[in-house]
Amino acid sequence: MSLYTNVVVALDLRKESKKIVEKAQALLANGGKMQLLHVIEPIETGLFAGAPFGAVIVDTDDIEKEAIKVKKEKLHEFGDKFGVVDKDLHLVVGKPAREIKQFAEESNADLIVIGTHGQHGWELLLGSTANGVLHGSPCDVLTVQMRVKNDD
């Protein structure tokens, strides 16, 4: 099996995501480039009913800015842990599957590595980010099983 030279690692930034980065590192050619990518889904401004004085419009800009700040810090922690330089750490806001595929295409990636949580039943029917990335991807995709296995 040939090694990859430009790998995009799509992370949800859970501590279990280190397994995804480790798999990507194992497939990276000597001197190859690994980029870590996290996609934040946009938080929509909402209209909430049921407040004491009727409907209330909630501006979520501050909430989204805080979420971005926290996610950037976590992404940098992953970068530090795995030796990925700041210019190869990427955080974008949008729909995860679409943004991951677009980023991979724009950066000429030859592999996307992404975790999957082993969807079942309705979750499988409704789809997942990994499934969305797999279909229509501009390059190879490796999904890494993130489900905790029971010893039962």
N, C-alpha and C. Protein backbone atom coordinates (compact mmCIF):
# COMPACT_ATOMS: atom_id res chain seq x y z
N MET A 1 0.84 -1.18 0.00
CA MET A 1 0.00 0.00 0.00
C MET A 1 0.89 1.24 0.00
N SER A 2 0.58 2.17 -0.88
CA SER A 2 1.37 3.39 -0.91
C SER A 2 0.91 4.34 0.20
N LEU A 3 1.83 5.17 0.64
CA LEU A 3 1.50 6.14 1.67
C LEU A 3 0.98 7.42 1.03
N TYR A 4 0.30 8.21 1.82
CA TYR A 4 -0.32 9.44 1.34
C TYR A 4 0.56 10.64 1.68
N THR A 5 0.51 11.65 0.81
CA THR A 5 1.38 12.82 0.99
C THR A 5 0.65 14.05 1.50
N ASN A 6 -0.67 14.08 1.38
CA ASN A 6 -1.44 15.24 1.82
C ASN A 6 -2.74 14.75 2.45
N VAL A 7 -2.74 14.64 3.77
CA VAL A 7 -3.85 14.03 4.50
C VAL A 7 -4.63 15.09 5.27
N VAL A 8 -5.94 15.10 5.09
CA VAL A 8 -6.83 15.95 5.88
C VAL A 8 -7.48 15.07 6.93
N VAL A 9 -7.33 15.45 8.19
CA VAL A 9 -7.92 14.71 9.31
C VAL A 9 -9.08 15.54 9.85
N ALA A 10 -10.29 15.04 9.65
CA ALA A 10 -11.49 15.74 10.12
C ALA A 10 -11.80 15.26 11.53
N LEU A 11 -11.80 16.20 12.46
CA LEU A 11 -11.96 15.85 13.88
C LEU A 11 -13.21 16.47 14.47
N ASP A 12 -13.83 15.75 15.42
CA ASP A 12 -14.91 16.36 16.20
C ASP A 12 -14.37 16.88 17.53
N LEU A 13 -13.08 16.71 17.77
CA LEU A 13 -12.34 17.23 18.92
C LEU A 13 -12.66 16.55 20.26
N ARG A 14 -13.32 15.40 20.22
CA ARG A 14 -13.47 14.61 21.44
C ARG A 14 -12.11 14.00 21.76
N LYS A 15 -11.90 13.62 23.00
CA LYS A 15 -10.59 13.04 23.35
C LYS A 15 -10.34 11.75 22.58
N GLU A 16 -11.39 11.05 22.20
CA GLU A 16 -11.24 9.81 21.43
C GLU A 16 -10.70 10.08 20.02
N SER A 17 -10.74 11.33 19.59
CA SER A 17 -10.29 11.68 18.24
C SER A 17 -8.80 11.45 18.04
N LYS A 18 -8.06 11.28 19.12
CA LYS A 18 -6.62 11.02 18.98
C LYS A 18 -6.39 9.75 18.16
N LYS A 19 -7.31 8.80 18.24
CA LYS A 19 -7.21 7.55 17.47
C LYS A 19 -7.22 7.86 15.97
N ILE A 20 -8.00 8.85 15.56
CA ILE A 20 -8.09 9.23 14.15
C ILE A 20 -6.76 9.80 13.69
N VAL A 21 -6.18 10.68 14.51
CA VAL A 21 -4.90 11.31 14.15
C VAL A 21 -3.81 10.25 14.09
N GLU A 22 -3.80 9.32 15.01
CA GLU A 22 -2.80 8.26 15.02
C GLU A 22 -2.88 7.41 13.76
N LYS A 23 -4.10 7.08 13.31
CA LYS A 23 -4.27 6.32 12.06
C LYS A 23 -3.75 7.12 10.87
N ALA A 24 -4.05 8.41 10.87
CA ALA A 24 -3.59 9.27 9.77
C ALA A 24 -2.07 9.33 9.74
N GLN A 25 -1.45 9.47 10.89
CA GLN A 25 0.01 9.51 10.95
C GLN A 25 0.63 8.23 10.40
N ALA A 26 0.00 7.10 10.66
CA ALA A 26 0.51 5.81 10.19
C ALA A 26 0.48 5.71 8.67
N LEU A 27 -0.40 6.46 8.02
CA LEU A 27 -0.54 6.41 6.56
C LEU A 27 0.18 7.56 5.85
N LEU A 28 0.79 8.44 6.61
CA LEU A 28 1.43 9.62 6.04
C LEU A 28 2.84 9.29 5.57
N ALA A 29 3.12 9.62 4.32
CA ALA A 29 4.45 9.40 3.77
C ALA A 29 5.46 10.28 4.49
N ASN A 30 6.70 9.83 4.55
CA ASN A 30 7.78 10.63 5.14
C ASN A 30 7.85 11.98 4.41
N GLY A 31 7.75 13.06 5.16
CA GLY A 31 7.75 14.39 4.57
C GLY A 31 6.38 14.85 4.11
N GLY A 32 5.35 14.01 4.31
CA GLY A 32 4.00 14.36 3.90
C GLY A 32 3.38 15.41 4.83
N LYS A 33 2.27 15.94 4.39
CA LYS A 33 1.59 17.01 5.12
C LYS A 33 0.29 16.48 5.71
N MET A 34 0.08 16.76 7.01
CA MET A 34 -1.17 16.39 7.67
C MET A 34 -1.83 17.67 8.17
N GLN A 35 -3.10 17.84 7.79
CA GLN A 35 -3.86 19.01 8.22
C GLN A 35 -5.03 18.56 9.09
N LEU A 36 -5.21 19.24 10.20
CA LEU A 36 -6.33 18.94 11.08
C LEU A 36 -7.45 19.94 10.79
N LEU A 37 -8.65 19.43 10.64
CA LEU A 37 -9.81 20.25 10.29
C LEU A 37 -10.95 19.96 11.25
N HIS A 38 -11.54 21.03 11.77
CA HIS A 38 -12.76 20.90 12.57
C HIS A 38 -13.80 21.84 11.98
N VAL A 39 -15.01 21.33 11.82
CA VAL A 39 -16.11 22.12 11.27
C VAL A 39 -17.14 22.35 12.37
N ILE A 40 -17.46 23.63 12.57
CA ILE A 40 -18.49 24.00 13.54
C ILE A 40 -19.77 24.30 12.76
N GLU A 41 -20.84 23.64 13.14
CA GLU A 41 -22.12 23.96 12.49
C GLU A 41 -22.58 25.32 12.97
N PRO A 42 -23.08 26.15 12.04
CA PRO A 42 -23.52 27.49 12.44
C PRO A 42 -24.68 27.44 13.43
N ILE A 43 -24.66 28.37 14.35
CA ILE A 43 -25.75 28.50 15.32
C ILE A 43 -26.68 29.59 14.78
N GLU A 44 -27.89 29.21 14.49
CA GLU A 44 -28.85 30.14 13.91
C GLU A 44 -29.46 31.06 14.97
N THR A 45 -29.72 32.30 14.58
CA THR A 45 -30.48 33.19 15.44
C THR A 45 -31.89 32.61 15.52
N GLY A 46 -32.44 32.53 16.71
CA GLY A 46 -33.71 31.85 16.87
C GLY A 46 -34.81 32.69 17.48
N LEU A 47 -36.02 32.29 17.22
CA LEU A 47 -37.20 32.87 17.81
C LEU A 47 -37.76 31.84 18.77
N PHE A 48 -37.77 32.18 20.04
CA PHE A 48 -38.23 31.25 21.05
C PHE A 48 -39.52 31.74 21.67
N ALA A 49 -40.52 30.88 21.69
CA ALA A 49 -41.80 31.21 22.30
C ALA A 49 -41.80 30.72 23.75
N GLY A 50 -42.69 31.24 24.53
CA GLY A 50 -42.84 30.74 25.88
C GLY A 50 -42.18 31.60 26.94
N ALA A 51 -41.51 32.64 26.52
CA ALA A 51 -40.92 33.55 27.50
C ALA A 51 -42.06 34.28 28.21
N PRO A 52 -41.83 34.82 29.40
CA PRO A 52 -42.90 35.47 30.17
C PRO A 52 -43.61 36.59 29.40
N PHE A 53 -42.90 37.21 28.45
CA PHE A 53 -43.51 38.34 27.74
C PHE A 53 -43.75 38.02 26.27
N GLY A 54 -43.87 36.74 25.91
CA GLY A 54 -44.12 36.34 24.53
C GLY A 54 -42.84 35.83 23.87
N ALA A 55 -42.85 35.85 22.55
CA ALA A 55 -41.71 35.34 21.78
C ALA A 55 -40.49 36.25 21.96
N VAL A 56 -39.33 35.65 21.97
CA VAL A 56 -38.08 36.38 22.14
C VAL A 56 -37.12 35.97 21.03
N ILE A 57 -36.50 36.94 20.39
CA ILE A 57 -35.47 36.64 19.40
C ILE A 57 -34.14 36.59 20.14
N VAL A 58 -33.44 35.48 19.97
CA VAL A 58 -32.17 35.30 20.64
C VAL A 58 -31.05 35.47 19.63
N ASP A 59 -30.18 36.44 19.87
CA ASP A 59 -29.02 36.66 19.01
C ASP A 59 -27.92 35.71 19.47
N THR A 60 -27.51 34.84 18.60
CA THR A 60 -26.56 33.80 18.98
C THR A 60 -25.12 34.13 18.58
N ASP A 61 -24.86 35.34 18.12
CA ASP A 61 -23.50 35.70 17.70
C ASP A 61 -22.47 35.49 18.79
N ASP A 62 -22.78 35.95 20.01
CA ASP A 62 -21.82 35.80 21.11
C ASP A 62 -21.61 34.33 21.46
N ILE A 63 -22.68 33.55 21.39
CA ILE A 63 -22.57 32.12 21.68
C ILE A 63 -21.67 31.45 20.64
N GLU A 64 -21.89 31.79 19.37
CA GLU A 64 -21.08 31.20 18.30
C GLU A 64 -19.61 31.62 18.42
N LYS A 65 -19.36 32.89 18.75
CA LYS A 65 -17.98 33.37 18.93
C LYS A 65 -17.29 32.62 20.06
N GLU A 66 -17.99 32.39 21.14
CA GLU A 66 -17.41 31.65 22.27
C GLU A 66 -17.14 30.19 21.88
N ALA A 67 -18.07 29.59 21.15
CA ALA A 67 -17.87 28.21 20.69
C ALA A 67 -16.64 28.11 19.79
N ILE A 68 -16.46 29.08 18.91
CA ILE A 68 -15.30 29.10 18.02
C ILE A 68 -14.02 29.23 18.83
N LYS A 69 -14.03 30.09 19.83
CA LYS A 69 -12.85 30.28 20.68
C LYS A 69 -12.47 28.98 21.38
N VAL A 70 -13.45 28.31 21.96
CA VAL A 70 -13.20 27.06 22.68
C VAL A 70 -12.70 25.98 21.72
N LYS A 71 -13.31 25.87 20.56
CA LYS A 71 -12.91 24.85 19.59
C LYS A 71 -11.51 25.12 19.05
N LYS A 72 -11.17 26.40 18.85
CA LYS A 72 -9.80 26.74 18.40
C LYS A 72 -8.77 26.28 19.42
N GLU A 73 -9.06 26.50 20.69
CA GLU A 73 -8.15 26.07 21.75
C GLU A 73 -7.97 24.55 21.73
N LYS A 74 -9.07 23.82 21.58
CA LYS A 74 -8.99 22.35 21.54
C LYS A 74 -8.23 21.88 20.30
N LEU A 75 -8.46 22.53 19.18
CA LEU A 75 -7.76 22.18 17.95
C LEU A 75 -6.26 22.39 18.11
N HIS A 76 -5.88 23.49 18.75
CA HIS A 76 -4.46 23.76 19.00
C HIS A 76 -3.86 22.74 19.96
N GLU A 77 -4.63 22.27 20.91
CA GLU A 77 -4.15 21.20 21.81
C GLU A 77 -3.83 19.94 21.00
N PHE A 78 -4.71 19.58 20.06
CA PHE A 78 -4.44 18.43 19.20
C PHE A 78 -3.18 18.68 18.37
N GLY A 79 -3.07 19.88 17.82
CA GLY A 79 -1.90 20.22 17.01
C GLY A 79 -0.61 20.08 17.81
N ASP A 80 -0.62 20.61 19.03
CA ASP A 80 0.56 20.51 19.90
C ASP A 80 0.90 19.06 20.21
N LYS A 81 -0.12 18.28 20.53
CA LYS A 81 0.09 16.88 20.91
C LYS A 81 0.69 16.06 19.77
N PHE A 82 0.28 16.36 18.54
CA PHE A 82 0.71 15.54 17.41
C PHE A 82 1.70 16.25 16.48
N GLY A 83 2.22 17.39 16.91
CA GLY A 83 3.25 18.07 16.13
C GLY A 83 2.76 18.69 14.83
N VAL A 84 1.51 19.12 14.80
CA VAL A 84 0.95 19.77 13.62
C VAL A 84 1.07 21.28 13.81
N VAL A 85 1.72 21.95 12.88
CA VAL A 85 1.96 23.38 13.00
C VAL A 85 0.68 24.18 12.79
N ASP A 86 0.66 25.40 13.33
CA ASP A 86 -0.55 26.24 13.30
C ASP A 86 -1.13 26.42 11.90
N LYS A 87 -0.28 26.57 10.89
CA LYS A 87 -0.80 26.81 9.53
C LYS A 87 -1.55 25.60 8.98
N ASP A 88 -1.39 24.44 9.63
CA ASP A 88 -2.10 23.24 9.20
C ASP A 88 -3.27 22.87 10.12
N LEU A 89 -3.68 23.83 10.96
CA LEU A 89 -4.86 23.68 11.81
C LEU A 89 -5.96 24.55 11.23
N HIS A 90 -7.10 23.96 10.95
CA HIS A 90 -8.16 24.70 10.26
C HIS A 90 -9.49 24.51 10.97
N LEU A 91 -10.19 25.62 11.18
CA LEU A 91 -11.51 25.61 11.79
C LEU A 91 -12.42 26.41 10.87
N VAL A 92 -13.49 25.79 10.44
CA VAL A 92 -14.44 26.47 9.56
C VAL A 92 -15.85 26.30 10.10
N VAL A 93 -16.72 27.21 9.71
CA VAL A 93 -18.12 27.16 10.10
C VAL A 93 -18.94 26.76 8.87
N GLY A 94 -19.78 25.75 9.04
CA GLY A 94 -20.62 25.31 7.93
C GLY A 94 -21.16 23.92 8.18
N LYS A 95 -21.67 23.32 7.14
CA LYS A 95 -22.18 21.94 7.21
C LYS A 95 -20.99 20.99 7.09
N PRO A 96 -20.77 20.14 8.09
CA PRO A 96 -19.53 19.36 8.14
C PRO A 96 -19.18 18.57 6.87
N ALA A 97 -20.05 17.74 6.36
CA ALA A 97 -19.69 16.91 5.20
C ALA A 97 -19.30 17.79 4.01
N ARG A 98 -20.07 18.80 3.75
CA ARG A 98 -19.79 19.68 2.61
C ARG A 98 -18.46 20.41 2.80
N GLU A 99 -18.23 20.94 4.00
CA GLU A 99 -17.01 21.70 4.25
C GLU A 99 -15.77 20.82 4.21
N ILE A 100 -15.87 19.59 4.70
CA ILE A 100 -14.73 18.67 4.68
C ILE A 100 -14.36 18.33 3.24
N LYS A 101 -15.35 18.01 2.41
CA LYS A 101 -15.07 17.68 1.01
C LYS A 101 -14.49 18.88 0.27
N GLN A 102 -15.06 20.05 0.52
CA GLN A 102 -14.57 21.26 -0.15
C GLN A 102 -13.14 21.57 0.27
N PHE A 103 -12.85 21.46 1.56
CA PHE A 103 -11.50 21.72 2.06
C PHE A 103 -10.51 20.75 1.44
N ALA A 104 -10.86 19.47 1.39
CA ALA A 104 -9.99 18.45 0.81
C ALA A 104 -9.70 18.75 -0.66
N GLU A 105 -10.73 19.15 -1.38
CA GLU A 105 -10.54 19.47 -2.80
C GLU A 105 -9.65 20.70 -2.97
N GLU A 106 -9.91 21.75 -2.21
CA GLU A 106 -9.13 22.99 -2.34
C GLU A 106 -7.68 22.81 -1.91
N SER A 107 -7.42 21.87 -1.01
CA SER A 107 -6.04 21.66 -0.54
C SER A 107 -5.36 20.49 -1.26
N ASN A 108 -6.03 19.95 -2.29
CA ASN A 108 -5.48 18.84 -3.08
C ASN A 108 -5.09 17.64 -2.21
N ALA A 109 -5.93 17.33 -1.25
CA ALA A 109 -5.68 16.19 -0.37
C ALA A 109 -5.78 14.89 -1.16
N ASP A 110 -4.99 13.90 -0.76
CA ASP A 110 -5.12 12.59 -1.38
C ASP A 110 -5.79 11.59 -0.42
N LEU A 111 -6.08 12.04 0.81
CA LEU A 111 -6.78 11.20 1.77
C LEU A 111 -7.49 12.07 2.80
N ILE A 112 -8.72 11.70 3.13
CA ILE A 112 -9.46 12.26 4.26
C ILE A 112 -9.58 11.14 5.29
N VAL A 113 -9.23 11.44 6.53
CA VAL A 113 -9.42 10.48 7.61
C VAL A 113 -10.46 11.07 8.56
N ILE A 114 -11.49 10.29 8.85
CA ILE A 114 -12.61 10.78 9.66
C ILE A 114 -13.11 9.66 10.56
N GLY A 115 -13.57 10.01 11.73
CA GLY A 115 -14.13 9.01 12.64
C GLY A 115 -15.58 8.74 12.34
N THR A 116 -15.99 7.53 12.69
CA THR A 116 -17.40 7.18 12.59
C THR A 116 -17.81 6.52 13.90
N HIS A 117 -19.01 6.78 14.33
CA HIS A 117 -19.47 6.28 15.61
C HIS A 117 -20.38 5.07 15.47
N GLY A 118 -20.36 4.45 14.29
CA GLY A 118 -21.12 3.20 14.10
C GLY A 118 -22.61 3.39 14.23
N GLN A 119 -23.19 4.10 13.27
CA GLN A 119 -24.62 4.39 13.32
C GLN A 119 -25.43 3.10 13.17
N HIS A 120 -26.58 3.07 13.81
CA HIS A 120 -27.49 1.94 13.72
C HIS A 120 -28.91 2.46 13.52
N GLY A 121 -29.74 1.62 12.94
CA GLY A 121 -31.17 1.94 12.83
C GLY A 121 -31.44 3.28 12.17
N TRP A 122 -32.23 4.11 12.84
CA TRP A 122 -32.62 5.40 12.29
C TRP A 122 -31.43 6.31 12.02
N GLU A 123 -30.41 6.24 12.89
CA GLU A 123 -29.23 7.08 12.68
C GLU A 123 -28.59 6.76 11.33
N LEU A 124 -28.52 5.47 10.99
CA LEU A 124 -27.94 5.06 9.72
C LEU A 124 -28.80 5.55 8.56
N LEU A 125 -30.11 5.45 8.72
CA LEU A 125 -31.03 5.88 7.68
C LEU A 125 -30.91 7.39 7.44
N LEU A 126 -30.75 8.13 8.51
CA LEU A 126 -30.65 9.59 8.40
C LEU A 126 -29.26 10.04 7.95
N GLY A 127 -28.27 9.18 8.04
CA GLY A 127 -26.94 9.52 7.58
C GLY A 127 -26.06 10.06 8.68
N SER A 128 -24.80 10.23 8.35
CA SER A 128 -23.83 10.75 9.28
C SER A 128 -22.84 11.59 8.52
N THR A 129 -22.00 12.32 9.24
CA THR A 129 -20.99 13.13 8.58
C THR A 129 -20.06 12.25 7.76
N ALA A 130 -19.59 11.15 8.34
CA ALA A 130 -18.67 10.27 7.61
C ALA A 130 -19.31 9.76 6.31
N ASN A 131 -20.56 9.38 6.38
CA ASN A 131 -21.27 8.91 5.19
C ASN A 131 -21.38 10.01 4.15
N GLY A 132 -21.67 11.23 4.61
CA GLY A 132 -21.76 12.36 3.70
C GLY A 132 -20.44 12.70 3.03
N VAL A 133 -19.35 12.51 3.77
CA VAL A 133 -18.02 12.77 3.21
C VAL A 133 -17.67 11.69 2.18
N LEU A 134 -17.99 10.46 2.49
CA LEU A 134 -17.66 9.34 1.62
C LEU A 134 -18.25 9.52 0.23
N HIS A 135 -19.49 9.94 0.15
CA HIS A 135 -20.17 10.09 -1.13
C HIS A 135 -19.83 11.44 -1.75
N GLY A 136 -19.14 11.39 -2.87
CA GLY A 136 -18.75 12.60 -3.57
C GLY A 136 -17.42 13.17 -3.13
N SER A 137 -16.64 12.39 -2.40
CA SER A 137 -15.34 12.86 -1.95
C SER A 137 -14.38 13.02 -3.12
N PRO A 138 -13.52 14.04 -3.08
CA PRO A 138 -12.56 14.24 -4.17
C PRO A 138 -11.32 13.34 -4.05
N CYS A 139 -11.25 12.51 -3.00
CA CYS A 139 -10.07 11.67 -2.79
C CYS A 139 -10.47 10.44 -1.96
N ASP A 140 -9.48 9.62 -1.63
CA ASP A 140 -9.74 8.47 -0.78
C ASP A 140 -10.22 8.92 0.60
N VAL A 141 -11.03 8.08 1.23
CA VAL A 141 -11.54 8.36 2.57
C VAL A 141 -11.32 7.12 3.44
N LEU A 142 -10.75 7.35 4.62
CA LEU A 142 -10.60 6.29 5.62
C LEU A 142 -11.49 6.65 6.80
N THR A 143 -12.42 5.77 7.14
CA THR A 143 -13.23 5.99 8.33
C THR A 143 -12.66 5.13 9.45
N VAL A 144 -12.52 5.74 10.60
CA VAL A 144 -11.95 5.08 11.77
C VAL A 144 -13.08 4.85 12.77
N GLN A 145 -13.28 3.60 13.16
CA GLN A 145 -14.35 3.24 14.08
C GLN A 145 -14.07 3.83 15.47
N MET A 146 -15.01 4.63 15.97
CA MET A 146 -14.85 5.29 17.26
C MET A 146 -15.73 4.68 18.33
N ARG A 147 -16.55 3.71 17.97
CA ARG A 147 -17.47 3.08 18.92
C ARG A 147 -16.69 2.30 19.96
N VAL A 148 -17.10 2.43 21.20
CA VAL A 148 -16.51 1.64 22.28
C VAL A 148 -17.11 0.24 22.21
N LYS A 149 -16.25 -0.75 22.18
CA LYS A 149 -16.72 -2.13 22.07
C LYS A 149 -16.94 -2.71 23.46
N ASN A 150 -18.07 -3.38 23.62
CA ASN A 150 -18.38 -4.06 24.90
C ASN A 150 -17.75 -5.44 24.89
N ASP A 151 -17.35 -5.90 26.04
CA ASP A 151 -16.77 -7.23 26.16
C ASP A 151 -17.82 -8.27 26.54
N ASP A 152 -19.09 -7.95 26.37
CA ASP A 152 -20.18 -8.88 26.75
C ASP A 152 -20.19 -10.09 25.87
